[in-house]
Amino acid sequence: MAGSHIFICFSSKDESVAREVVTALENNGLKCWISLRDVLPGQNYQEAIVSAIEAASGIVFLFSENSSRSGEIKKELSIGGSINVPVFPLRLAPIAPSGALRYELAIRQWIDIFPHREHALVRLANTIKTVLDAPPDAADEVPLAPAAKAPAARAAKAAKARAKRTAPIVQPGSQQFEAIRALLARHIGPIAKILVEKASAEAVSADDFCERLASRISAPNDRATFVQAVRSRLAEKA
């Protein structure tokens, strides 16, 4: 398993079920990360969430009427999707996804926690193990949230490009940084600052920087407008 834990994505209104899921998965040898337990006192909540998703080997998404209305849930799934973390949806009620969640779950086969709760949780644990333990070449054969493969040559090329670059794409605190942060915040909220800092430090080029940030925006028209605006800001820097 590439990551260190399973990230539990849930609405606070589904806390009791989330705790039950964590207990079931950890009893089956799958370490979990859940915000209500693992965000430390005084820790920046949004930064902790982003770090936990990036370190995760998988995301269990508790799909319910509550989570389907949560903007924060959509952001968490978007972050996971942008870095190809496999998602395991667990449906808590007989409802269908709509809007942005319909897009996120279009290629994913969810597990219903009803009518046999214990059986469903065992199936969830077994499915996670099957997907995460599968060889890379077999990942695409698994119907539930297959993990995308990153070609070694592309990864090596990106690492080499990063090594040559000695400065971030935009300097934190600069006018360009604040302008781009504000542009992204219109779509995803305060978490934009953390994501711009990360993309600025890790992107291998201005194009890569734009693509990393645009991937956080779900609407195609909004993405295109955002990229155009960011390129204009980067041109001002040049």
Protein backbone atom coordinates (compact mmCIF):
# COMPACT_ATOMS: atom_id res chain seq x y z
CA MET A 1 0.00 0.00 0.00
CA ALA A 2 1.42 3.35 -1.03
CA GLY A 3 -0.20 5.45 1.69
CA SER A 4 -0.18 5.15 5.44
CA HIS A 5 -3.91 5.01 6.19
CA ILE A 6 -7.49 5.05 4.92
CA PHE A 7 -8.98 8.55 4.98
CA ILE A 8 -12.60 8.64 6.20
CA CYS A 9 -14.62 11.25 4.29
CA PHE A 10 -17.92 11.93 6.05
CA SER A 11 -20.44 14.53 7.17
CA SER A 12 -20.32 15.47 10.85
CA LYS A 13 -24.01 14.53 10.98
CA ASP A 14 -23.00 10.93 10.21
CA GLU A 15 -20.42 10.79 13.02
CA SER A 16 -21.83 7.69 14.73
CA VAL A 17 -21.70 5.67 11.51
CA ALA A 18 -18.21 7.02 10.75
CA ARG A 19 -16.96 5.78 14.12
CA GLU A 20 -18.51 2.39 13.44
CA VAL A 21 -16.79 2.19 10.06
CA VAL A 22 -13.41 3.08 11.59
CA THR A 23 -13.80 0.39 14.24
CA ALA A 24 -14.74 -2.23 11.63
CA LEU A 25 -11.85 -1.36 9.29
CA GLU A 26 -9.24 -1.15 12.04
CA ASN A 27 -10.43 -4.49 13.42
CA ASN A 28 -9.64 -5.82 9.94
CA GLY A 29 -6.10 -4.43 10.01
CA LEU A 30 -6.73 -1.23 8.04
CA LYS A 31 -5.41 1.88 9.81
CA CYS A 32 -7.80 4.82 9.45
CA TRP A 33 -7.52 8.59 9.66
CA ILE A 34 -10.65 10.42 10.79
CA SER A 35 -10.75 14.13 11.57
CA LEU A 36 -12.79 13.88 14.77
CA ARG A 37 -10.00 11.77 16.31
CA ASP A 38 -6.80 12.57 14.45
CA VAL A 39 -6.70 16.36 14.10
CA LEU A 40 -4.55 17.42 17.05
CA PRO A 41 -5.44 20.34 19.35
CA GLY A 42 -4.10 23.58 17.90
CA GLN A 43 -3.47 22.02 14.48
CA ASN A 44 -4.71 23.85 11.38
CA TYR A 45 -7.81 21.84 10.46
CA GLN A 46 -7.77 22.38 6.70
CA GLU A 47 -4.04 21.77 6.44
CA ALA A 48 -4.44 18.54 8.44
CA ILE A 49 -7.19 17.38 6.06
CA VAL A 50 -5.09 18.03 2.94
CA SER A 51 -2.03 16.31 4.43
CA ALA A 52 -4.12 13.31 5.51
CA ILE A 53 -5.63 12.91 2.03
CA GLU A 54 -2.22 13.17 0.37
CA ALA A 55 -0.81 10.50 2.71
CA ALA A 56 -3.80 8.17 2.26
CA SER A 57 -3.77 4.87 0.41
CA GLY A 58 -7.52 5.13 -0.07
CA ILE A 59 -10.60 7.19 0.79
CA VAL A 60 -13.78 5.73 2.26
CA PHE A 61 -16.60 8.11 1.39
CA LEU A 62 -19.75 7.83 3.52
CA PHE A 63 -22.40 8.73 0.94
CA SER A 64 -25.60 10.05 2.55
CA GLU A 65 -28.11 12.87 2.24
CA ASN A 66 -25.92 14.83 4.65
CA SER A 67 -22.64 14.36 2.78
CA SER A 68 -24.30 14.93 -0.61
CA ARG A 69 -25.08 18.50 0.51
CA SER A 70 -21.63 19.22 1.95
CA GLY A 71 -19.31 21.50 0.00
CA GLU A 72 -16.36 20.40 2.13
CA ILE A 73 -16.95 16.75 1.18
CA LYS A 74 -16.83 17.67 -2.51
CA LYS A 75 -13.51 19.48 -1.96
CA GLU A 76 -12.02 16.47 -0.17
CA LEU A 77 -13.06 14.12 -2.98
CA SER A 78 -11.70 16.56 -5.55
CA ILE A 79 -8.32 16.66 -3.82
CA GLY A 80 -8.22 12.87 -3.65
CA GLY A 81 -9.21 12.57 -7.29
CA SER A 82 -6.53 15.01 -8.43
CA ILE A 83 -3.79 12.77 -6.95
CA ASN A 84 -5.44 9.48 -7.93
CA VAL A 85 -6.26 8.20 -4.45
CA PRO A 86 -8.80 5.34 -4.87
CA VAL A 87 -12.25 6.10 -3.46
CA PHE A 88 -14.51 3.50 -1.82
CA PRO A 89 -18.08 4.88 -1.52
CA LEU A 90 -20.23 3.42 1.27
CA ARG A 91 -23.88 4.33 0.76
CA LEU A 92 -25.73 4.92 4.02
CA ALA A 93 -29.21 5.39 2.51
CA PRO A 94 -30.96 4.47 -0.75
CA ILE A 95 -30.28 7.73 -2.56
CA ALA A 96 -28.62 8.49 -5.90
CA PRO A 97 -25.76 10.98 -6.38
CA SER A 98 -26.49 14.27 -8.10
CA GLY A 99 -24.58 17.32 -9.26
CA ALA A 100 -20.83 17.25 -8.58
CA LEU A 101 -21.10 13.94 -6.70
CA ARG A 102 -22.72 12.32 -9.70
CA TYR A 103 -19.60 13.22 -11.67
CA GLU A 104 -17.25 12.03 -8.91
CA LEU A 105 -19.01 8.68 -8.51
CA ALA A 106 -19.79 8.01 -12.16
CA ILE A 107 -17.15 5.28 -12.52
CA ARG A 108 -17.31 3.94 -8.97
CA GLN A 109 -19.28 0.99 -7.64
CA TRP A 110 -20.52 1.75 -4.16
CA ILE A 111 -21.30 -0.64 -1.32
CA ASP A 112 -24.62 -0.33 0.52
CA ILE A 113 -24.36 -0.47 4.30
CA PHE A 114 -27.98 -1.67 4.37
CA PRO A 115 -29.76 -4.03 4.90
CA HIS A 116 -26.96 -6.19 6.42
CA ARG A 117 -24.63 -3.76 8.19
CA GLU A 118 -21.98 -6.21 9.42
CA HIS A 119 -21.75 -7.98 6.07
CA ALA A 120 -21.40 -4.65 4.27
CA LEU A 121 -18.51 -3.53 6.49
CA VAL A 122 -16.70 -6.83 6.01
CA ARG A 123 -17.17 -6.50 2.26
CA LEU A 124 -15.84 -2.94 2.40
CA ALA A 125 -12.69 -4.03 4.25
CA ASN A 126 -12.11 -6.92 1.84
CA THR A 127 -12.66 -4.69 -1.20
CA ILE A 128 -10.15 -2.13 0.06
CA LYS A 129 -7.55 -4.84 0.65
CA THR A 130 -8.16 -6.34 -2.79
CA VAL A 131 -7.75 -3.00 -4.58
CA LEU A 132 -4.74 -1.80 -2.61
CA ASP A 133 -2.91 -5.11 -2.72
CA ALA A 134 -3.43 -5.59 -6.46
CA PRO A 135 -0.32 -5.36 -8.69
CA PRO A 136 -0.11 -2.06 -10.60
CA ASP A 137 -0.84 -3.76 -13.92
CA ALA A 138 -4.01 -5.30 -12.49
CA ALA A 139 -5.38 -2.11 -10.95
CA ASP A 140 -7.50 -1.24 -13.97
CA GLU A 141 -9.24 -4.63 -13.74
CA VAL A 142 -10.74 -3.81 -10.34
CA PRO A 143 -14.22 -2.24 -10.81
CA LEU A 144 -14.12 -0.20 -7.61
CA ALA A 145 -12.09 3.00 -7.85
CA PRO A 146 -9.08 1.76 -9.85
CA ALA A 147 -5.88 3.63 -9.08
CA ALA A 148 -4.36 5.45 -12.02
CA LYS A 149 -0.85 4.40 -12.98
CA ALA A 150 1.92 7.00 -13.17
CA PRO A 151 4.56 6.09 -15.75
CA ALA A 152 8.03 5.90 -14.22
CA ALA A 153 9.55 7.92 -17.04
CA ARG A 154 7.14 10.79 -16.48
CA ALA A 155 7.77 10.76 -12.73
CA ALA A 156 11.54 10.77 -13.25
CA LYS A 157 11.30 13.63 -15.72
CA ALA A 158 9.17 15.66 -13.29
CA ALA A 159 11.61 15.03 -10.44
CA LYS A 160 14.52 16.15 -12.63
CA ALA A 161 12.68 19.33 -13.63
CA ARG A 162 11.90 20.13 -9.99
CA ALA A 163 15.54 19.61 -9.04
CA LYS A 164 16.64 22.19 -11.63
CA ARG A 165 14.19 24.79 -10.33
CA THR A 166 15.48 26.66 -7.30
CA ALA A 167 12.48 28.93 -6.63
CA PRO A 168 8.70 28.36 -6.40
CA ILE A 169 6.52 29.27 -9.37
CA VAL A 170 5.14 32.18 -7.32
CA GLN A 171 6.61 33.41 -4.07
CA PRO A 172 4.29 33.02 -1.03
CA GLY A 173 3.16 36.46 0.15
CA SER A 174 3.79 38.11 -3.21
CA GLN A 175 1.10 39.99 -5.14
CA GLN A 176 0.96 37.23 -7.74
CA PHE A 177 0.54 34.58 -5.04
CA GLU A 178 -2.27 36.47 -3.29
CA ALA A 179 -4.03 37.17 -6.57
CA ILE A 180 -3.93 33.50 -7.62
CA ARG A 181 -4.98 32.38 -4.14
CA ALA A 182 -7.99 34.71 -4.32
CA LEU A 183 -8.95 33.37 -7.76
CA LEU A 184 -8.90 29.77 -6.51
CA ALA A 185 -10.61 30.65 -3.21
CA ARG A 186 -13.67 31.79 -5.14
CA HIS A 187 -14.22 28.17 -6.09
CA ILE A 188 -12.92 26.13 -3.12
CA GLY A 189 -12.68 28.49 -0.16
CA PRO A 190 -9.84 29.18 2.32
CA ILE A 191 -8.07 25.90 1.60
CA ALA A 192 -6.87 27.58 -1.61
CA LYS A 193 -3.85 29.08 0.17
CA ILE A 194 -2.47 25.67 1.14
CA LEU A 195 -3.00 24.27 -2.36
CA VAL A 196 -1.37 27.23 -4.09
CA GLU A 197 1.67 26.95 -1.81
CA LYS A 198 1.98 23.24 -2.55
CA ALA A 199 1.50 23.57 -6.31
CA SER A 200 3.95 26.47 -6.43
CA ALA A 201 6.63 24.41 -4.71
CA GLU A 202 6.04 21.15 -6.61
CA ALA A 203 5.04 22.17 -10.14
CA VAL A 204 7.69 21.63 -12.80
CA SER A 205 6.47 24.50 -15.00
CA ALA A 206 3.92 27.28 -15.20
CA ASP A 207 1.65 25.00 -17.23
CA ASP A 208 1.93 22.27 -14.61
CA PHE A 209 1.17 24.84 -11.91
CA CYS A 210 -2.01 25.92 -13.71
CA GLU A 211 -3.13 22.34 -14.29
CA ARG A 212 -2.61 21.35 -10.66
CA LEU A 213 -4.77 24.20 -9.42
CA ALA A 214 -7.40 23.93 -12.16
CA SER A 215 -7.93 20.26 -11.27
CA ARG A 216 -9.54 21.44 -8.01
CA ILE A 217 -12.37 23.14 -9.95
CA SER A 218 -15.17 20.86 -11.14
CA ALA A 219 -16.95 22.99 -13.78
CA PRO A 220 -15.12 22.98 -17.17
CA ASN A 221 -16.03 26.60 -17.98
CA ASP A 222 -14.84 27.76 -14.58
CA ARG A 223 -11.59 25.82 -15.02
CA ALA A 224 -10.90 27.44 -18.38
CA THR A 225 -11.60 30.94 -17.05
CA PHE A 226 -9.42 30.26 -14.02
CA VAL A 227 -6.46 29.03 -16.09
CA GLN A 228 -6.67 32.07 -18.34
CA ALA A 229 -6.67 34.39 -15.32
CA VAL A 230 -3.73 32.59 -13.68
CA ARG A 231 -1.68 32.71 -16.89
CA SER A 232 -2.28 36.46 -17.02
CA ARG A 233 -1.02 36.83 -13.44
CA LEU A 234 2.08 34.74 -14.19
CA ALA A 235 2.76 36.85 -17.29
CA GLU A 236 2.71 39.95 -15.10
CA LYS A 237 5.41 38.34 -12.94
CA ALA A 238 7.57 37.72 -15.99
